[in-house]
Amino acid sequence: MQFEDLNISEPLQRALIKEGYSTPTPIQAEAIPHLLKGEDLMGIAQTGTGKTAAFVLPVLQKMAELQKVAAPGVPRALVLAPTRELAAQIDESFGTYGQFLRFSHAAVYGGVHQGPQVKALSRGVDALVATPGRLLDLMEQGHIDLKDVEFFVLDEADRMLDMGFAKDVRKIVSALPKRRHSLFFAATMSKEVGELAGRLLTDPVRIEVAPQATPVERIEQRIFFVDQKEKNPLLIGLLQQKFLKRVLVFTRTKRRADRVAKVLTKTGIRADAIHGDRTQNQRTSALGGFKAGRLQVLVATDIAARGIDVEDISHVINYDLPNEAESYVHRIGRTGRAGRAGTAYSFCSAEERSFLRDIERLTRTKIREVDHRYHSEEAKNASGAASEPAPRRTKRPPRRAGEKGVPPGRSRRPGPRR
């Protein structure tokens, strides 16, 4: 099947040809005909399946057919995304696929000054891509009115709920007109995601392009059993091999992402980190450097990585295994995209051994072990309490004066630290 078989309009086909696309992905082939008919849709698809084009193309075509003009601050299409990076990339896709159409588009998200975003809205925006927090801020300030939204897309709904945006999403939806075309995309279908979809969609067509929580078959997966203290030298040794050309490294925390990026930079490896505590300019710069090939390595946390859409990532390395098995599937899906082969390496220390068991149970795959100079038998054979992270220490509440061990009249506030 070719894009021309999907009744895509000539200006959109011209843009696709210019960008080098001729054959739709499975979700595009299945979703676009339904969306062009005006049907609501629930799409279950992981990142990298081409779902952005699956909704951007029909939304652009339908808007062009209706030939309306957006009033200032009153968008015709609204796309909600969980992260700034994903919002920026969807907005970029609108520009790419709609380059031969007369329409306007913009993205609004936090982490940057709102001035330029407000200015863009004042000129009128046909397609608006937004993160929930900044969208609500601009609505409360009177810069955005959703009364005329014809097309509503909720992208990565499962991650939206994971990040605690459920209340914000409901508030935004309540401001939308009842008559609208709604599209809903998620990588996994939990009970909560299903309930949210039920409230947003009317008689939707359901499309699932791949089994849930199943890794892409062409991804080569390998496990390295290693003590926590040896992860840095193991990572450096791997990255010094020439065939690891563009590598996405995952850590479990923002602080560790910064540490790993700093260690790699000191050894001469071109690396940077991307996570929620970095400014938007820092995140944009890091992602841009990675896309352009100026960086060999991008170190990321799970949430920040949801907006990374780079087709030719050669390797994914799990410096830390995720504590949720489904996150592993999302992570390794960053490589092996667009028909290419990919490789996923994972480091497993003793306290992560239970995470590995969960991953292998979910994926129904026994990940092949790699023999290496930093191999740890302790990590490989850990079980029971030794195979799980140590519980976090919680601070005991300060005792009040008069309680056992605290003399009456003595302040319970600690003195200055020296």
Protein backbone atom coordinates (compact mmCIF):
# COMPACT_ATOMS: atom_id res chain seq x y z
CA MET A 1 0.00 0.00 0.00
CA GLN A 2 1.15 3.54 -0.82
CA PHE A 3 0.02 6.84 0.71
CA GLU A 4 -1.80 7.67 -2.54
CA ASP A 5 -4.04 4.63 -1.88
CA LEU A 6 -5.32 6.28 1.31
CA ASN A 7 -6.99 9.23 -0.48
CA ILE A 8 -4.44 11.64 0.92
CA SER A 9 -4.74 15.07 -0.70
CA GLU A 10 -2.21 16.25 -3.28
CA PRO A 11 -0.49 18.90 -1.08
CA LEU A 12 0.05 16.31 1.68
CA GLN A 13 1.32 13.70 -0.80
CA ARG A 14 3.75 16.28 -2.16
CA ALA A 15 5.09 16.90 1.35
CA LEU A 16 5.41 13.16 2.01
CA ILE A 17 7.35 12.65 -1.22
CA LYS A 18 9.64 15.55 -0.42
CA GLU A 19 10.38 14.02 3.00
CA GLY A 20 11.04 10.62 1.41
CA TYR A 21 7.91 8.79 2.61
CA SER A 22 5.91 6.61 0.22
CA THR A 23 4.67 3.63 2.25
CA PRO A 24 2.48 4.10 5.36
CA THR A 25 3.22 2.24 8.58
CA PRO A 26 0.56 -0.22 9.84
CA ILE A 27 -1.08 2.29 12.17
CA GLN A 28 -1.15 4.93 9.42
CA ALA A 29 -2.68 2.49 6.94
CA GLU A 30 -5.36 1.46 9.43
CA ALA A 31 -6.11 4.78 11.12
CA ILE A 32 -6.11 7.33 8.29
CA PRO A 33 -9.16 5.97 6.38
CA HIS A 34 -11.27 5.98 9.57
CA LEU A 35 -10.13 9.46 10.52
CA LEU A 36 -10.87 10.85 7.08
CA LYS A 37 -14.43 9.52 7.56
CA GLY A 38 -14.70 11.55 10.78
CA GLU A 39 -14.79 8.58 13.17
CA ASP A 40 -13.43 8.78 16.72
CA LEU A 41 -10.42 6.54 17.22
CA MET A 42 -8.59 4.76 20.03
CA GLY A 43 -5.08 3.80 18.93
CA ILE A 44 -2.89 1.46 20.97
CA ALA A 45 0.60 1.97 19.61
CA GLN A 46 4.07 2.41 21.02
CA THR A 47 6.40 5.28 20.18
CA GLY A 48 8.12 4.72 16.85
CA THR A 49 5.14 3.21 15.04
CA GLY A 50 4.37 6.38 13.09
CA LYS A 51 1.33 7.38 15.12
CA THR A 52 2.08 11.13 14.92
CA ALA A 53 1.65 11.17 11.14
CA ALA A 54 -1.39 8.89 11.58
CA PHE A 55 -3.30 11.77 13.18
CA VAL A 56 -1.48 14.85 11.81
CA LEU A 57 -2.16 13.97 8.14
CA PRO A 58 -5.96 13.48 8.44
CA VAL A 59 -6.35 16.48 10.77
CA LEU A 60 -4.54 18.68 8.23
CA GLN A 61 -6.63 17.31 5.36
CA LYS A 62 -9.95 17.79 7.17
CA MET A 63 -9.04 21.34 8.23
CA ALA A 64 -8.08 22.19 4.65
CA GLU A 65 -11.41 20.83 3.35
CA LEU A 66 -13.42 22.95 5.79
CA GLN A 67 -11.49 26.10 4.80
CA LYS A 68 -12.15 28.02 7.99
CA VAL A 69 -9.91 30.69 9.47
CA ALA A 70 -8.89 30.47 13.11
CA ALA A 71 -9.78 33.46 15.25
CA PRO A 72 -7.11 34.88 17.61
CA GLY A 73 -6.69 32.54 20.58
CA VAL A 74 -9.32 30.11 19.28
CA PRO A 75 -7.64 27.01 17.78
CA ARG A 76 -9.40 24.60 15.43
CA ALA A 77 -7.34 21.55 16.39
CA LEU A 78 -5.88 20.78 19.82
CA VAL A 79 -3.26 18.12 20.53
CA LEU A 80 -2.40 17.40 24.17
CA ALA A 81 1.02 15.86 24.87
CA PRO A 82 2.60 14.95 28.23
CA THR A 83 6.07 16.48 27.71
CA ARG A 84 7.58 19.61 26.19
CA GLU A 85 9.78 17.63 23.81
CA LEU A 86 6.87 15.61 22.43
CA ALA A 87 4.77 18.76 22.03
CA ALA A 88 7.58 20.45 20.11
CA GLN A 89 8.04 17.45 17.83
CA ILE A 90 4.33 17.12 17.05
CA ASP A 91 4.26 20.82 16.22
CA GLU A 92 7.26 20.26 13.93
CA SER A 93 5.35 17.44 12.21
CA PHE A 94 2.43 19.78 11.50
CA GLY A 95 4.88 22.14 9.80
CA THR A 96 6.57 19.34 7.84
CA TYR A 97 3.44 17.64 6.51
CA GLY A 98 1.51 20.86 6.02
CA GLN A 99 4.25 22.79 4.24
CA PHE A 100 2.16 23.12 1.07
CA LEU A 101 -1.04 24.13 2.87
CA ARG A 102 -2.15 27.55 4.07
CA PHE A 103 -2.59 27.08 7.81
CA SER A 104 -0.95 28.11 11.07
CA HIS A 105 0.34 26.03 13.96
CA ALA A 106 2.03 26.59 17.31
CA ALA A 107 3.13 24.76 20.45
CA VAL A 108 2.67 25.98 24.02
CA TYR A 109 4.53 24.39 26.93
CA GLY A 110 6.20 25.36 30.17
CA GLY A 111 9.86 25.93 30.93
CA VAL A 112 10.10 28.96 28.63
CA HIS A 113 8.67 32.48 28.70
CA GLN A 114 5.08 32.61 27.51
CA GLY A 115 5.48 35.87 25.59
CA PRO A 116 6.26 34.39 22.14
CA GLN A 117 3.55 31.77 22.61
CA VAL A 118 0.94 34.42 23.46
CA LYS A 119 2.03 36.45 20.43
CA ALA A 120 1.56 33.43 18.14
CA LEU A 121 -1.89 32.78 19.60
CA SER A 122 -2.94 36.38 19.03
CA ARG A 123 -2.37 35.95 15.29
CA GLY A 124 -4.71 32.95 15.18
CA VAL A 125 -3.62 29.30 15.26
CA ASP A 126 -5.32 26.50 13.34
CA ALA A 127 -3.43 23.63 15.05
CA LEU A 128 -2.30 24.03 18.65
CA VAL A 129 -0.08 21.49 20.41
CA ALA A 130 0.12 21.87 24.17
CA THR A 131 1.16 20.39 27.48
CA PRO A 132 -1.65 20.48 30.06
CA GLY A 133 -0.09 22.86 32.59
CA ARG A 134 0.82 25.68 30.22
CA LEU A 135 -2.47 25.30 28.34
CA LEU A 136 -4.49 25.76 31.54
CA ASP A 137 -2.35 28.77 32.53
CA LEU A 138 -3.02 30.49 29.21
CA MET A 139 -6.71 29.61 29.35
CA GLU A 140 -7.03 31.15 32.83
CA GLN A 141 -5.28 34.29 31.57
CA GLY A 142 -7.77 34.55 28.72
CA HIS A 143 -5.27 33.90 25.91
CA ILE A 144 -6.92 30.65 24.74
CA ASP A 145 -10.57 29.70 24.23
CA LEU A 146 -11.38 26.11 23.22
CA LYS A 147 -14.98 26.77 22.17
CA ASP A 148 -14.34 26.12 18.45
CA VAL A 149 -12.06 23.08 18.63
CA GLU A 150 -13.07 20.68 15.85
CA PHE A 151 -10.33 18.08 16.34
CA PHE A 152 -9.02 16.94 19.72
CA VAL A 153 -6.07 14.55 20.06
CA LEU A 154 -4.88 13.12 23.36
CA ASP A 155 -1.44 11.61 22.73
CA GLU A 156 0.38 9.20 25.05
CA ALA A 157 -2.59 9.12 27.41
CA ASP A 158 -1.01 6.43 29.59
CA ARG A 159 2.04 8.58 30.28
CA MET A 160 -0.25 11.55 30.86
CA LEU A 161 -1.92 9.64 33.71
CA ASP A 162 1.43 8.38 35.04
CA MET A 163 2.60 11.98 35.32
CA GLY A 164 -0.48 13.00 37.32
CA PHE A 165 -2.25 15.02 34.63
CA ALA A 166 -5.64 13.29 34.94
CA LYS A 167 -7.31 16.24 36.71
CA ASP A 168 -5.84 18.75 34.22
CA VAL A 169 -6.99 16.68 31.25
CA ARG A 170 -10.55 16.48 32.62
CA LYS A 171 -10.59 20.24 33.14
CA ILE A 172 -9.40 20.87 29.59
CA VAL A 173 -11.93 18.42 28.12
CA SER A 174 -14.75 20.15 29.99
CA ALA A 175 -13.93 23.34 28.05
CA LEU A 176 -14.20 21.62 24.66
CA PRO A 177 -17.37 21.66 22.54
CA LYS A 178 -19.49 18.51 22.71
CA ARG A 179 -19.43 18.11 18.93
CA ARG A 180 -15.84 17.39 17.97
CA HIS A 181 -13.69 14.72 16.38
CA SER A 182 -11.67 12.98 19.12
CA LEU A 183 -8.54 10.84 18.78
CA PHE A 184 -6.93 8.95 21.65
CA PHE A 185 -3.50 7.28 21.62
CA ALA A 186 -1.72 5.23 24.28
CA ALA A 187 1.09 2.68 24.34
CA THR A 188 -0.67 0.45 26.87
CA MET A 189 -4.29 -0.05 27.90
CA SER A 190 -4.84 -0.07 31.66
CA LYS A 191 -8.18 0.19 33.43
CA GLU A 192 -7.59 3.91 34.08
CA VAL A 193 -6.67 4.58 30.45
CA GLY A 194 -9.79 2.71 29.30
CA GLU A 195 -12.03 4.75 31.61
CA LEU A 196 -10.54 8.01 30.33
CA ALA A 197 -11.04 6.91 26.72
CA GLY A 198 -14.66 6.04 27.50
CA ARG A 199 -15.32 9.60 28.69
CA LEU A 200 -13.65 11.23 25.68
CA LEU A 201 -14.71 9.14 22.69
CA THR A 202 -17.99 8.38 20.95
CA ASP A 203 -18.32 4.92 19.34
CA PRO A 204 -14.59 4.83 18.61
CA VAL A 205 -12.78 2.56 16.19
CA ARG A 206 -10.08 0.66 18.10
CA ILE A 207 -6.74 -0.01 16.41
CA GLU A 208 -3.90 -1.94 18.01
CA VAL A 209 -0.88 -2.33 15.78
CA ALA A 210 1.26 -4.54 18.01
CA PRO A 211 0.70 -6.77 21.05
CA GLN A 212 0.91 -4.83 24.28
CA ALA A 213 4.22 -4.94 26.11
CA THR A 214 5.93 -7.00 23.40
CA PRO A 215 9.40 -5.80 22.34
CA VAL A 216 10.10 -5.29 18.68
CA GLU A 217 11.35 -8.65 17.43
CA ARG A 218 14.29 -7.23 15.50
CA ILE A 219 15.84 -5.69 18.63
CA GLU A 220 18.83 -7.65 19.90
CA GLN A 221 18.67 -7.72 23.71
CA ARG A 222 21.62 -8.44 26.01
CA ILE A 223 22.08 -8.36 29.80
CA PHE A 224 25.29 -7.48 31.68
CA PHE A 225 25.43 -8.59 35.33
CA VAL A 226 27.56 -5.99 37.09
CA ASP A 227 28.07 -4.43 40.52
CA GLN A 228 26.75 -0.89 40.82
CA LYS A 229 30.25 0.57 41.33
CA GLU A 230 31.47 -0.98 38.06
CA LYS A 231 28.71 0.41 35.83
CA ASN A 232 30.68 3.50 34.78
CA PRO A 233 33.77 1.66 33.49
CA LEU A 234 31.53 -0.90 31.77
CA LEU A 235 29.57 1.88 30.05
CA ILE A 236 32.71 3.72 28.97
CA GLY A 237 34.22 0.54 27.56
CA LEU A 238 31.09 -0.16 25.51
CA LEU A 239 30.81 3.38 24.18
CA GLN A 240 34.42 3.37 23.00
CA GLN A 241 33.50 0.71 20.44
CA LYS A 242 32.98 2.29 17.03
CA PHE A 243 29.69 0.59 16.18
CA LEU A 244 27.87 2.33 19.06
CA LYS A 245 27.23 5.43 16.98
CA ARG A 246 24.12 7.05 18.45
CA VAL A 247 23.25 5.81 21.91
CA LEU A 248 20.41 6.57 24.30
CA VAL A 249 21.31 5.76 27.92
CA PHE A 250 18.58 5.45 30.54
CA THR A 251 18.98 6.13 34.25
CA ARG A 252 16.33 5.89 36.95
CA THR A 253 16.95 9.35 38.47
CA LYS A 254 17.70 12.86 37.24
CA ARG A 255 20.74 13.19 39.49
CA ARG A 256 22.29 10.01 38.11
CA ALA A 257 21.63 11.16 34.53
CA ASP A 258 23.72 14.26 35.22
CA ARG A 259 26.48 12.22 36.89
CA VAL A 260 26.71 9.72 34.04
CA ALA A 261 26.80 12.47 31.39
CA LYS A 262 29.55 14.26 33.32
CA VAL A 263 31.65 11.08 33.65
CA LEU A 264 31.33 10.36 29.93
CA THR A 265 32.26 13.91 28.97
CA LYS A 266 35.40 13.74 31.11
CA THR A 267 36.53 10.64 29.21
CA GLY A 268 36.13 12.38 25.86
CA ILE A 269 32.75 10.88 24.92
CA ARG A 270 30.36 13.49 23.49
CA ALA A 271 27.39 13.28 25.87
CA ASP A 272 24.67 15.35 27.51
CA ALA A 273 21.70 14.72 29.80
CA ILE A 274 18.00 15.42 29.40
CA HIS A 275 15.49 15.37 32.29
CA GLY A 276 12.80 17.42 33.96
CA ASP A 277 15.08 19.60 36.07
CA ARG A 278 16.95 21.03 33.09
CA THR A 279 15.69 24.24 31.49
CA GLN A 280 13.82 24.04 28.22
CA ASN A 281 16.75 25.63 26.39
CA GLN A 282 19.12 23.03 27.84
CA ARG A 283 16.79 20.19 26.86
CA THR A 284 16.30 21.57 23.34
CA SER A 285 20.06 22.01 22.91
CA ALA A 286 20.83 18.46 24.12
CA LEU A 287 18.17 16.89 21.90
CA GLY A 288 19.23 18.99 18.92
CA GLY A 289 22.87 17.97 19.38
CA PHE A 290 21.87 14.32 19.58
CA LYS A 291 19.72 14.50 16.45
CA ALA A 292 22.40 16.33 14.48
CA GLY A 293 25.10 13.85 15.47
CA ARG A 294 27.13 16.31 17.53
CA LEU A 295 26.51 14.07 20.54
CA GLN A 296 27.17 10.35 20.55
CA VAL A 297 25.24 9.80 23.78
CA LEU A 298 22.09 11.24 25.32
CA VAL A 299 21.47 10.26 28.94
CA ALA A 300 17.78 10.42 29.84
CA THR A 301 15.15 9.60 32.41
CA ASP A 302 11.96 7.82 31.35
CA ILE A 303 9.67 10.85 31.39
CA ALA A 304 12.04 13.12 29.45
CA ALA A 305 12.64 10.40 26.85
CA ARG A 306 8.96 10.29 25.86
CA GLY A 307 9.59 13.26 23.57
CA ILE A 308 12.68 11.84 21.87
CA ASP A 309 11.83 10.90 18.29
CA VAL A 310 15.12 9.99 16.59
CA GLU A 311 14.92 7.25 13.98
CA ASP A 312 18.54 6.08 13.78
CA ILE A 313 19.42 5.33 17.41
CA SER A 314 21.82 2.39 17.12
CA HIS A 315 21.75 1.31 20.76
CA VAL A 316 19.71 1.75 23.91
CA ILE A 317 21.60 1.12 27.15
CA ASN A 318 19.71 0.68 30.42
CA TYR A 319 22.31 1.93 32.89
CA ASP A 320 19.61 1.32 35.50
CA LEU A 321 16.85 -1.21 34.95
CA PRO A 322 13.40 0.36 35.33
CA ASN A 323 11.30 -0.71 38.30
CA GLU A 324 8.29 -1.11 35.97
CA ALA A 325 8.67 -3.81 33.34
CA GLU A 326 6.53 -1.92 30.80
CA SER A 327 9.01 0.96 30.90
CA TYR A 328 11.66 -1.43 29.63
CA VAL A 329 9.54 -2.08 26.54
CA HIS A 330 9.13 1.66 25.91
CA ARG A 331 12.86 2.22 26.37
CA ILE A 332 14.16 -0.44 24.00
CA GLY A 333 11.56 0.59 21.42
CA ARG A 334 13.65 3.71 20.82
CA THR A 335 16.00 1.63 18.70
CA GLY A 336 15.13 -0.71 15.83
CA ARG A 337 12.72 1.80 14.32
CA ALA A 338 11.57 2.37 10.74
CA GLY A 339 12.51 -1.18 9.74
CA ARG A 340 16.07 -0.94 11.03
CA ALA A 341 17.80 -3.39 13.35
CA GLY A 342 18.59 -2.24 16.88
CA THR A 343 20.39 -3.34 20.02
CA ALA A 344 19.46 -2.94 23.69
CA TYR A 345 22.04 -3.50 26.43
CA SER A 346 20.96 -3.61 30.07
CA PHE A 347 23.09 -3.44 33.23
CA CYS A 348 21.78 -5.47 36.16
CA SER A 349 23.21 -5.14 39.66
CA ALA A 350 22.20 -7.35 42.58
CA GLU A 351 19.53 -4.94 43.81
CA GLU A 352 17.96 -4.87 40.33
CA ARG A 353 17.72 -8.64 39.87
CA SER A 354 13.99 -8.71 40.71
CA PHE A 355 13.37 -6.03 38.05
CA LEU A 356 15.01 -8.28 35.46
CA ARG A 357 12.77 -11.19 36.45
CA ASP A 358 9.70 -8.98 36.00
CA ILE A 359 10.92 -7.85 32.57
CA GLU A 360 11.57 -11.39 31.35
CA ARG A 361 8.18 -12.52 32.66
CA LEU A 362 6.35 -9.68 30.89
CA THR A 363 8.19 -10.02 27.58
CA ARG A 364 8.28 -13.82 27.70
CA THR A 365 11.93 -13.55 26.74
CA LYS A 366 15.06 -14.90 28.39
CA ILE A 367 17.55 -12.13 27.73
CA ARG A 368 20.94 -13.48 26.69
CA GLU A 369 23.77 -12.84 29.13
CA VAL A 370 27.06 -11.24 28.02
CA ASP A 371 30.38 -12.37 29.47
CA HIS A 372 32.53 -9.31 30.27
CA ARG A 373 35.44 -8.22 32.45
CA TYR A 374 33.20 -6.64 35.12
CA HIS A 375 30.88 -9.65 35.45
CA SER A 376 29.32 -10.10 38.91
CA GLU A 377 28.14 -13.53 40.08
CA GLU A 378 26.56 -11.81 43.08
CA ALA A 379 24.36 -9.74 40.76
CA LYS A 380 23.51 -12.76 38.61
CA ASN A 381 22.44 -14.97 41.51
CA ALA A 382 20.86 -12.40 43.84
CA SER A 383 17.51 -13.44 45.32
CA GLY A 384 15.16 -12.45 48.11
CA ALA A 385 15.86 -9.14 49.82
CA ALA A 386 19.29 -8.95 48.14
CA SER A 387 17.62 -8.77 44.72
CA GLU A 388 15.61 -5.65 45.55
CA PRO A 389 16.58 -2.03 46.30
CA ALA A 390 17.12 -1.26 49.95
CA PRO A 391 14.09 0.54 51.44
CA ARG A 392 14.47 4.28 51.71
CA ARG A 393 15.27 5.58 55.12
CA THR A 394 12.55 7.81 56.46
CA LYS A 395 13.36 10.58 58.88
CA ARG A 396 11.84 10.12 62.30
CA PRO A 397 9.66 13.06 63.33
CA PRO A 398 11.32 15.27 65.95
CA ARG A 399 10.22 14.55 69.49
CA ARG A 400 8.51 17.23 71.47
CA ALA A 401 9.84 18.73 74.65
CA GLY A 402 8.77 16.64 77.62
CA GLU A 403 8.77 13.34 75.70
CA LYS A 404 11.08 10.57 76.74
CA GLY A 405 14.69 11.57 76.16
CA VAL A 406 13.91 15.26 75.58
CA PRO A 407 14.26 17.54 78.61
CA PRO A 408 11.35 19.92 79.26
CA GLY A 409 11.90 23.38 77.80
CA ARG A 410 14.56 22.14 75.36
CA SER A 411 13.98 23.17 71.77
CA ARG A 412 13.33 20.28 69.38
CA ARG A 413 14.81 22.24 66.47
CA PRO A 414 18.31 21.00 65.64
CA GLY A 415 21.20 23.42 65.94
CA PRO A 416 23.18 24.69 62.97
CA ARG A 417 25.23 22.12 61.13
CA ARG A 418 28.95 22.73 61.22
